[in-house]
Amino acid sequence: MPKVTKKLDASSFQLKDQVVSINRVTKVVKGGKNMSFAALIVVGDPSAGVVGFGSGKAKEVPQAIRKGIESAKKNLMRINLTQTTVPHTVLGRFGSGKVLLKPAPEGTGVIAGGAVRAVMTSAGIQNVLTKSIGTTNPHNVIKATFDALKQLKSREHVAELRGKSVQEL
């Protein structure tokens, strides 16, 4: 059963935005070609463990980025972390994209490529091993990464599910 999460207020965090990809798209119409730009943005507050993504389209790049940031602020989510890494190994899926997140010891750093790295740094995860499998499409990779982050469970939640105390785990 999916947990109902309350919407996070973007103004209460120090959000940093990161542009993942900018794509020039054209629409062929009767009078020729209409060019516009699509931007994929990740925003997050590393100190609070909050991250979100959004996309925006506009005739110019700066407006597309601004729209993407506004869209990302609307779907922020909090992530369960243990100190500086993820609590357990998890595989996120979206479309044909899969993203594997593995906990790493202190000092490892973020071992991730492109789109996954943007999400990890924005979320405040400092030590993690990742592997992107399948598609290289940044939209699907980011959605698969967010699917993986949603699956992360805290020690308290797992202990509650098993009917044990946190020390017993």
N, C-alpha and C. Protein backbone atom coordinates (compact mmCIF):
# COMPACT_ATOMS: atom_id res chain seq x y z
N MET A 1 0.83 -1.19 0.00
CA MET A 1 0.00 0.00 0.00
C MET A 1 0.87 1.25 0.00
N PRO A 2 0.67 2.15 -0.97
CA PRO A 2 1.51 3.34 -1.07
C PRO A 2 1.23 4.32 0.07
N LYS A 3 2.34 4.89 0.57
CA LYS A 3 2.21 5.88 1.63
C LYS A 3 1.76 7.20 1.01
N VAL A 4 0.85 7.87 1.70
CA VAL A 4 0.42 9.19 1.25
C VAL A 4 1.36 10.21 1.88
N THR A 5 2.16 10.87 1.03
CA THR A 5 3.11 11.84 1.55
C THR A 5 2.54 13.24 1.38
N LYS A 6 2.68 14.04 2.42
CA LYS A 6 2.18 15.41 2.30
C LYS A 6 3.16 16.22 1.46
N LYS A 7 2.63 17.21 0.77
CA LYS A 7 3.43 18.02 -0.12
C LYS A 7 4.41 18.87 0.68
N LEU A 8 5.68 18.88 0.25
CA LEU A 8 6.70 19.65 0.95
C LEU A 8 6.69 21.09 0.43
N ASP A 9 6.86 22.04 1.34
CA ASP A 9 6.87 23.46 0.98
C ASP A 9 8.27 23.85 0.51
N ALA A 10 8.39 24.24 -0.75
CA ALA A 10 9.69 24.54 -1.35
C ALA A 10 10.37 25.74 -0.69
N SER A 11 9.58 26.68 -0.17
CA SER A 11 10.17 27.91 0.40
C SER A 11 10.88 27.66 1.72
N SER A 12 10.65 26.50 2.36
CA SER A 12 11.27 26.23 3.66
C SER A 12 12.65 25.57 3.52
N PHE A 13 13.13 25.36 2.28
CA PHE A 13 14.43 24.73 2.06
C PHE A 13 15.34 25.66 1.26
N GLN A 14 16.66 25.45 1.40
CA GLN A 14 17.63 26.16 0.56
C GLN A 14 17.88 25.28 -0.67
N LEU A 15 17.05 25.44 -1.67
CA LEU A 15 17.11 24.56 -2.84
C LEU A 15 18.19 25.01 -3.83
N LYS A 16 18.92 24.03 -4.34
CA LYS A 16 19.91 24.29 -5.38
C LYS A 16 19.44 23.55 -6.63
N ASP A 17 19.47 24.24 -7.76
CA ASP A 17 19.00 23.59 -8.99
C ASP A 17 20.18 23.18 -9.86
N GLN A 18 19.95 22.13 -10.62
CA GLN A 18 20.97 21.60 -11.51
C GLN A 18 20.31 21.20 -12.83
N VAL A 19 20.86 21.71 -13.93
CA VAL A 19 20.33 21.39 -15.25
C VAL A 19 20.91 20.05 -15.68
N VAL A 20 20.03 19.07 -15.96
CA VAL A 20 20.49 17.74 -16.37
C VAL A 20 20.63 17.68 -17.88
N SER A 21 19.62 18.17 -18.60
CA SER A 21 19.72 18.17 -20.05
C SER A 21 18.88 19.28 -20.65
N ILE A 22 19.38 19.80 -21.76
CA ILE A 22 18.61 20.78 -22.55
C ILE A 22 18.54 20.21 -23.96
N ASN A 23 17.33 20.13 -24.47
CA ASN A 23 17.10 19.50 -25.76
C ASN A 23 16.41 20.49 -26.69
N ARG A 24 16.95 20.68 -27.89
CA ARG A 24 16.30 21.54 -28.88
C ARG A 24 15.29 20.69 -29.65
N VAL A 25 14.05 21.09 -29.59
CA VAL A 25 13.01 20.33 -30.27
C VAL A 25 12.35 21.20 -31.34
N THR A 26 11.95 20.57 -32.43
CA THR A 26 11.28 21.31 -33.50
C THR A 26 9.96 20.65 -33.83
N LYS A 27 9.00 21.50 -34.13
CA LYS A 27 7.68 21.02 -34.55
C LYS A 27 7.50 21.50 -35.98
N VAL A 28 7.26 20.58 -36.89
CA VAL A 28 7.10 20.94 -38.29
C VAL A 28 5.65 21.33 -38.51
N VAL A 29 5.45 22.57 -38.95
CA VAL A 29 4.11 23.09 -39.22
C VAL A 29 4.06 23.55 -40.68
N LYS A 30 2.87 23.99 -41.10
CA LYS A 30 2.65 24.39 -42.48
C LYS A 30 3.64 25.48 -42.92
N GLY A 31 3.92 26.43 -42.03
CA GLY A 31 4.79 27.55 -42.38
C GLY A 31 6.27 27.26 -42.21
N GLY A 32 6.66 26.06 -41.81
CA GLY A 32 8.07 25.75 -41.61
C GLY A 32 8.29 24.95 -40.34
N LYS A 33 9.34 25.32 -39.62
CA LYS A 33 9.67 24.61 -38.38
C LYS A 33 9.62 25.56 -37.20
N ASN A 34 8.92 25.14 -36.14
CA ASN A 34 8.89 25.91 -34.89
C ASN A 34 9.91 25.30 -33.93
N MET A 35 10.93 26.09 -33.56
CA MET A 35 11.94 25.58 -32.64
C MET A 35 11.60 25.99 -31.22
N SER A 36 11.85 25.05 -30.29
CA SER A 36 11.72 25.39 -28.88
C SER A 36 12.74 24.54 -28.11
N PHE A 37 12.85 24.79 -26.80
CA PHE A 37 13.83 24.09 -25.98
C PHE A 37 13.13 23.40 -24.82
N ALA A 38 13.56 22.16 -24.54
CA ALA A 38 13.04 21.41 -23.40
C ALA A 38 14.19 21.23 -22.41
N ALA A 39 13.94 21.59 -21.15
CA ALA A 39 14.98 21.47 -20.12
C ALA A 39 14.54 20.50 -19.04
N LEU A 40 15.47 19.66 -18.58
CA LEU A 40 15.22 18.72 -17.48
C LEU A 40 16.06 19.18 -16.30
N ILE A 41 15.41 19.48 -15.17
CA ILE A 41 16.05 20.11 -14.02
C ILE A 41 15.86 19.24 -12.78
N VAL A 42 16.89 19.18 -11.93
CA VAL A 42 16.80 18.54 -10.62
C VAL A 42 17.06 19.62 -9.57
N VAL A 43 16.18 19.73 -8.57
CA VAL A 43 16.40 20.65 -7.45
C VAL A 43 16.46 19.85 -6.17
N GLY A 44 17.23 20.35 -5.20
CA GLY A 44 17.31 19.65 -3.94
C GLY A 44 18.01 20.46 -2.87
N ASP A 45 17.79 20.06 -1.64
CA ASP A 45 18.48 20.65 -0.49
C ASP A 45 19.30 19.54 0.15
N PRO A 46 20.63 19.52 -0.09
CA PRO A 46 21.47 18.44 0.42
C PRO A 46 21.43 18.30 1.95
N SER A 47 21.27 19.41 2.66
CA SER A 47 21.27 19.34 4.13
C SER A 47 19.99 18.73 4.68
N ALA A 48 18.88 18.84 3.93
CA ALA A 48 17.59 18.33 4.40
C ALA A 48 17.22 16.98 3.81
N GLY A 49 17.97 16.50 2.81
CA GLY A 49 17.65 15.22 2.17
C GLY A 49 16.36 15.30 1.37
N VAL A 50 16.17 16.43 0.67
CA VAL A 50 14.97 16.67 -0.12
C VAL A 50 15.39 16.85 -1.57
N VAL A 51 14.65 16.22 -2.50
CA VAL A 51 15.00 16.34 -3.91
C VAL A 51 13.74 16.23 -4.77
N GLY A 52 13.77 16.85 -5.95
CA GLY A 52 12.65 16.79 -6.89
C GLY A 52 13.16 17.06 -8.30
N PHE A 53 12.38 16.67 -9.30
CA PHE A 53 12.78 16.95 -10.68
C PHE A 53 11.60 17.51 -11.45
N GLY A 54 11.89 18.22 -12.53
CA GLY A 54 10.82 18.78 -13.36
C GLY A 54 11.36 19.10 -14.74
N SER A 55 10.45 19.28 -15.68
CA SER A 55 10.86 19.66 -17.03
C SER A 55 10.05 20.87 -17.48
N GLY A 56 10.66 21.67 -18.32
CA GLY A 56 10.00 22.85 -18.84
C GLY A 56 10.31 23.02 -20.31
N LYS A 57 9.35 23.58 -21.04
CA LYS A 57 9.54 23.84 -22.47
C LYS A 57 9.24 25.30 -22.75
N ALA A 58 10.07 25.94 -23.57
CA ALA A 58 9.84 27.33 -23.95
C ALA A 58 10.62 27.64 -25.22
N LYS A 59 10.35 28.82 -25.79
CA LYS A 59 11.04 29.24 -27.02
C LYS A 59 12.51 29.54 -26.77
N GLU A 60 12.85 30.01 -25.54
CA GLU A 60 14.25 30.30 -25.19
C GLU A 60 14.68 29.41 -24.03
N VAL A 61 16.00 29.18 -23.94
CA VAL A 61 16.56 28.30 -22.91
C VAL A 61 16.29 28.81 -21.48
N PRO A 62 16.54 30.10 -21.17
CA PRO A 62 16.34 30.54 -19.78
C PRO A 62 14.89 30.36 -19.29
N GLN A 63 13.91 30.61 -20.16
CA GLN A 63 12.51 30.40 -19.75
C GLN A 63 12.22 28.92 -19.53
N ALA A 64 12.81 28.06 -20.37
CA ALA A 64 12.61 26.61 -20.22
C ALA A 64 13.19 26.15 -18.88
N ILE A 65 14.36 26.68 -18.52
CA ILE A 65 14.99 26.32 -17.24
C ILE A 65 14.12 26.82 -16.08
N ARG A 66 13.63 28.04 -16.17
CA ARG A 66 12.78 28.60 -15.12
C ARG A 66 11.52 27.76 -14.92
N LYS A 67 10.90 27.36 -16.02
CA LYS A 67 9.70 26.51 -15.94
C LYS A 67 10.03 25.15 -15.32
N GLY A 68 11.18 24.59 -15.68
CA GLY A 68 11.61 23.31 -15.13
C GLY A 68 11.82 23.40 -13.63
N ILE A 69 12.41 24.51 -13.16
CA ILE A 69 12.65 24.70 -11.72
C ILE A 69 11.32 24.79 -10.99
N GLU A 70 10.36 25.54 -11.54
CA GLU A 70 9.04 25.66 -10.90
C GLU A 70 8.35 24.29 -10.83
N SER A 71 8.46 23.52 -11.91
CA SER A 71 7.87 22.18 -11.94
C SER A 71 8.53 21.26 -10.92
N ALA A 72 9.85 21.36 -10.79
CA ALA A 72 10.59 20.50 -9.84
C ALA A 72 10.23 20.83 -8.40
N LYS A 73 10.01 22.10 -8.10
CA LYS A 73 9.66 22.51 -6.74
C LYS A 73 8.31 21.95 -6.31
N LYS A 74 7.46 21.64 -7.29
CA LYS A 74 6.12 21.13 -6.98
C LYS A 74 6.13 19.65 -6.61
N ASN A 75 7.16 18.90 -7.01
CA ASN A 75 7.16 17.48 -6.65
C ASN A 75 8.40 17.07 -5.85
N LEU A 76 8.67 17.82 -4.80
CA LEU A 76 9.78 17.49 -3.91
C LEU A 76 9.43 16.27 -3.06
N MET A 77 10.45 15.47 -2.73
CA MET A 77 10.23 14.33 -1.83
C MET A 77 11.41 14.19 -0.87
N ARG A 78 11.11 13.71 0.33
CA ARG A 78 12.15 13.50 1.35
C ARG A 78 12.68 12.08 1.20
N ILE A 79 13.99 11.93 1.44
CA ILE A 79 14.64 10.64 1.24
C ILE A 79 15.17 10.10 2.56
N ASN A 80 14.98 8.79 2.77
CA ASN A 80 15.52 8.12 3.97
C ASN A 80 17.00 7.83 3.75
N LEU A 81 17.84 8.44 4.57
CA LEU A 81 19.28 8.23 4.47
C LEU A 81 19.84 7.72 5.79
N THR A 82 20.97 7.03 5.73
CA THR A 82 21.71 6.71 6.94
C THR A 82 23.02 7.47 6.84
N GLN A 83 23.19 8.48 7.69
CA GLN A 83 24.32 9.42 7.65
C GLN A 83 24.53 9.97 6.24
N THR A 84 25.50 9.41 5.49
CA THR A 84 25.83 10.00 4.18
C THR A 84 25.57 9.08 3.00
N THR A 85 24.90 7.93 3.25
CA THR A 85 24.67 6.99 2.15
C THR A 85 23.24 6.46 2.21
N VAL A 86 22.91 5.59 1.25
CA VAL A 86 21.57 4.98 1.24
C VAL A 86 21.56 3.82 2.23
N PRO A 87 20.40 3.53 2.86
CA PRO A 87 20.36 2.49 3.89
C PRO A 87 20.57 1.07 3.36
N HIS A 88 20.15 0.78 2.14
CA HIS A 88 20.27 -0.57 1.60
C HIS A 88 20.28 -0.52 0.08
N THR A 89 20.66 -1.65 -0.54
CA THR A 89 20.69 -1.74 -2.00
C THR A 89 19.27 -1.73 -2.55
N VAL A 90 19.06 -1.01 -3.65
CA VAL A 90 17.72 -0.91 -4.21
C VAL A 90 17.83 -0.75 -5.73
N LEU A 91 16.84 -1.30 -6.44
CA LEU A 91 16.80 -1.21 -7.91
C LEU A 91 15.53 -0.48 -8.31
N GLY A 92 15.68 0.66 -8.96
CA GLY A 92 14.53 1.43 -9.44
C GLY A 92 14.31 1.19 -10.91
N ARG A 93 13.05 1.14 -11.31
CA ARG A 93 12.73 0.88 -12.71
C ARG A 93 11.78 1.95 -13.24
N PHE A 94 11.99 2.34 -14.50
CA PHE A 94 11.02 3.16 -15.21
C PHE A 94 11.25 2.92 -16.70
N GLY A 95 10.21 2.49 -17.39
CA GLY A 95 10.36 2.16 -18.80
C GLY A 95 11.40 1.05 -18.94
N SER A 96 12.35 1.23 -19.87
CA SER A 96 13.40 0.24 -20.02
C SER A 96 14.63 0.59 -19.19
N GLY A 97 14.54 1.68 -18.42
CA GLY A 97 15.67 2.10 -17.60
C GLY A 97 15.63 1.50 -16.22
N LYS A 98 16.79 1.06 -15.75
CA LYS A 98 16.91 0.56 -14.39
C LYS A 98 18.09 1.28 -13.76
N VAL A 99 17.96 1.64 -12.47
CA VAL A 99 19.05 2.28 -11.76
C VAL A 99 19.27 1.53 -10.45
N LEU A 100 20.49 1.04 -10.25
CA LEU A 100 20.86 0.31 -9.04
C LEU A 100 21.61 1.26 -8.12
N LEU A 101 21.16 1.36 -6.86
CA LEU A 101 21.83 2.19 -5.85
C LEU A 101 22.35 1.26 -4.76
N LYS A 102 23.64 1.36 -4.45
CA LYS A 102 24.25 0.53 -3.40
C LYS A 102 24.91 1.43 -2.36
N PRO A 103 24.75 1.08 -1.08
CA PRO A 103 25.44 1.86 -0.04
C PRO A 103 26.95 1.72 -0.18
N ALA A 104 27.67 2.79 0.19
CA ALA A 104 29.12 2.77 0.10
C ALA A 104 29.72 3.30 1.40
N PRO A 105 30.91 2.81 1.77
CA PRO A 105 31.54 3.29 3.00
C PRO A 105 31.97 4.75 2.90
N GLU A 106 32.23 5.36 4.04
CA GLU A 106 32.66 6.77 4.11
C GLU A 106 33.90 6.99 3.26
N GLY A 107 33.91 8.07 2.49
CA GLY A 107 35.08 8.41 1.68
C GLY A 107 35.03 7.90 0.26
N THR A 108 34.00 7.13 -0.09
CA THR A 108 33.89 6.59 -1.45
C THR A 108 33.53 7.68 -2.45
N GLY A 109 32.60 8.56 -2.07
CA GLY A 109 32.12 9.59 -2.98
C GLY A 109 30.93 9.10 -3.78
N VAL A 110 30.47 9.95 -4.70
CA VAL A 110 29.33 9.59 -5.55
C VAL A 110 29.87 8.96 -6.82
N ILE A 111 29.71 7.65 -6.95
CA ILE A 111 30.12 6.95 -8.16
C ILE A 111 28.86 6.81 -9.01
N ALA A 112 28.67 7.79 -9.89
CA ALA A 112 27.46 7.82 -10.71
C ALA A 112 27.73 8.64 -11.96
N GLY A 113 26.94 8.39 -12.98
CA GLY A 113 27.08 9.14 -14.22
C GLY A 113 25.93 10.09 -14.41
N GLY A 114 26.18 11.13 -15.16
CA GLY A 114 25.21 12.12 -15.63
C GLY A 114 23.99 12.39 -14.78
N ALA A 115 22.85 11.87 -15.23
CA ALA A 115 21.57 12.17 -14.60
C ALA A 115 21.49 11.65 -13.17
N VAL A 116 22.03 10.47 -12.90
CA VAL A 116 21.97 9.88 -11.56
C VAL A 116 22.82 10.71 -10.60
N ARG A 117 23.98 11.18 -11.05
CA ARG A 117 24.86 12.01 -10.23
C ARG A 117 24.15 13.29 -9.81
N ALA A 118 23.43 13.92 -10.72
CA ALA A 118 22.71 15.16 -10.41
C ALA A 118 21.72 14.93 -9.28
N VAL A 119 20.99 13.81 -9.33
CA VAL A 119 20.00 13.50 -8.29
C VAL A 119 20.70 13.22 -6.96
N MET A 120 21.78 12.44 -6.99
CA MET A 120 22.49 12.06 -5.75
C MET A 120 23.07 13.29 -5.05
N THR A 121 23.72 14.17 -5.79
CA THR A 121 24.33 15.35 -5.18
C THR A 121 23.25 16.31 -4.67
N SER A 122 22.16 16.45 -5.41
CA SER A 122 21.07 17.33 -4.97
C SER A 122 20.38 16.81 -3.73
N ALA A 123 20.35 15.48 -3.56
CA ALA A 123 19.69 14.87 -2.40
C ALA A 123 20.58 14.88 -1.17
N GLY A 124 21.87 15.16 -1.34
CA GLY A 124 22.79 15.19 -0.20
C GLY A 124 23.39 13.83 0.11
N ILE A 125 23.33 12.90 -0.85
CA ILE A 125 23.94 11.58 -0.66
C ILE A 125 25.41 11.72 -1.06
N GLN A 126 26.34 11.47 -0.11
CA GLN A 126 27.76 11.72 -0.37
C GLN A 126 28.53 10.47 -0.76
N ASN A 127 28.07 9.30 -0.32
CA ASN A 127 28.77 8.04 -0.62
C ASN A 127 27.77 7.04 -1.17
N VAL A 128 27.87 6.73 -2.45
CA VAL A 128 26.95 5.77 -3.05
C VAL A 128 27.57 5.20 -4.33
N LEU A 129 27.27 3.93 -4.60
CA LEU A 129 27.66 3.29 -5.85
C LEU A 129 26.40 3.13 -6.68
N THR A 130 26.43 3.53 -7.94
CA THR A 130 25.24 3.41 -8.77
C THR A 130 25.59 2.74 -10.09
N LYS A 131 24.57 2.16 -10.71
CA LYS A 131 24.73 1.60 -12.04
C LYS A 131 23.44 1.83 -12.80
N SER A 132 23.55 2.47 -13.94
CA SER A 132 22.39 2.70 -14.79
C SER A 132 22.38 1.63 -15.87
N ILE A 133 21.26 0.89 -15.95
CA ILE A 133 21.16 -0.25 -16.86
C ILE A 133 20.01 0.01 -17.83
N GLY A 134 20.22 -0.32 -19.09
CA GLY A 134 19.15 -0.15 -20.07
C GLY A 134 19.29 1.18 -20.78
N THR A 135 18.26 2.00 -20.71
CA THR A 135 18.20 3.24 -21.47
C THR A 135 19.20 4.29 -20.97
N THR A 136 19.60 5.18 -21.86
CA THR A 136 20.44 6.31 -21.48
C THR A 136 19.64 7.62 -21.55
N ASN A 137 18.36 7.52 -21.86
CA ASN A 137 17.49 8.69 -21.93
C ASN A 137 17.41 9.35 -20.54
N PRO A 138 17.87 10.62 -20.41
CA PRO A 138 17.93 11.23 -19.08
C PRO A 138 16.58 11.29 -18.36
N HIS A 139 15.49 11.46 -19.09
CA HIS A 139 14.16 11.51 -18.45
C HIS A 139 13.85 10.18 -17.76
N ASN A 140 14.06 9.06 -18.48
CA ASN A 140 13.76 7.75 -17.91
C ASN A 140 14.75 7.38 -16.81
N VAL A 141 16.02 7.77 -16.95
CA VAL A 141 17.02 7.47 -15.93
C VAL A 141 16.66 8.20 -14.63
N ILE A 142 16.28 9.46 -14.73
CA ILE A 142 15.91 10.22 -13.52
C ILE A 142 14.66 9.63 -12.88
N LYS A 143 13.67 9.25 -13.68
CA LYS A 143 12.45 8.66 -13.12
C LYS A 143 12.76 7.31 -12.45
N ALA A 144 13.66 6.53 -13.02
CA ALA A 144 14.07 5.27 -12.41
C ALA A 144 14.82 5.52 -11.10
N THR A 145 15.65 6.57 -11.07
CA THR A 145 16.37 6.93 -9.85
C THR A 145 15.40 7.33 -8.75
N PHE A 146 14.39 8.11 -9.09
CA PHE A 146 13.39 8.51 -8.10
C PHE A 146 12.57 7.32 -7.63
N ASP A 147 12.33 6.36 -8.54
CA ASP A 147 11.63 5.13 -8.13
C ASP A 147 12.46 4.39 -7.09
N ALA A 148 13.78 4.33 -7.31
CA ALA A 148 14.68 3.67 -6.35
C ALA A 148 14.67 4.41 -5.01
N LEU A 149 14.73 5.73 -5.05
CA LEU A 149 14.76 6.53 -3.82
C LEU A 149 13.46 6.38 -3.03
N LYS A 150 12.34 6.21 -3.74
CA LYS A 150 11.04 6.02 -3.06
C LYS A 150 11.00 4.68 -2.32
N GLN A 151 11.75 3.68 -2.81
CA GLN A 151 11.75 2.35 -2.19
C GLN A 151 12.60 2.27 -0.93
N LEU A 152 13.43 3.29 -0.69
CA LEU A 152 14.30 3.25 0.49
C LEU A 152 13.48 3.31 1.76
N LYS A 153 13.81 2.42 2.71
CA LYS A 153 13.10 2.38 3.98
C LYS A 153 14.07 2.70 5.10
N SER A 154 13.58 3.41 6.12
CA SER A 154 14.42 3.72 7.28
C SER A 154 14.47 2.50 8.21
N ARG A 155 15.46 2.46 9.07
CA ARG A 155 15.60 1.35 10.03
C ARG A 155 14.37 1.28 10.94
N GLU A 156 13.85 2.45 11.32
CA GLU A 156 12.68 2.50 12.21
C GLU A 156 11.47 1.86 11.53
N HIS A 157 11.28 2.16 10.25
CA HIS A 157 10.13 1.63 9.50
C HIS A 157 10.23 0.11 9.36
N VAL A 158 11.43 -0.40 9.05
CA VAL A 158 11.64 -1.84 8.91
C VAL A 158 11.41 -2.54 10.24
N ALA A 159 11.91 -1.95 11.32
CA ALA A 159 11.72 -2.53 12.66
C ALA A 159 10.24 -2.59 13.00
N GLU A 160 9.50 -1.54 12.65
CA GLU A 160 8.06 -1.48 12.91
C GLU A 160 7.32 -2.57 12.12
N LEU A 161 7.71 -2.75 10.84
CA LEU A 161 7.08 -3.77 10.00
C LEU A 161 7.32 -5.18 10.55
N ARG A 162 8.50 -5.41 11.10
CA ARG A 162 8.85 -6.74 11.61
C ARG A 162 8.42 -6.94 13.06
N GLY A 163 7.94 -5.87 13.67
CA GLY A 163 7.51 -5.96 15.07
C GLY A 163 8.68 -6.13 16.03
N LYS A 164 9.80 -5.50 15.71
CA LYS A 164 10.99 -5.59 16.55
C LYS A 164 11.45 -4.17 16.90
N SER A 165 12.41 -4.11 17.82
CA SER A 165 13.00 -2.80 18.13
C SER A 165 14.16 -2.54 17.17
N VAL A 166 14.58 -1.29 17.06
CA VAL A 166 15.66 -0.92 16.15
C VAL A 166 16.96 -1.63 16.55
N GLN A 167 17.18 -1.84 17.85
CA GLN A 167 18.40 -2.49 18.31
C GLN A 167 18.46 -3.97 17.90
N GLU A 168 17.30 -4.60 17.72
CA GLU A 168 17.26 -6.03 17.35
C GLU A 168 17.67 -6.27 15.90
N LEU A 169 17.53 -5.26 15.06
CA LEU A 169 17.85 -5.45 13.64
C LEU A 169 19.32 -5.66 13.40
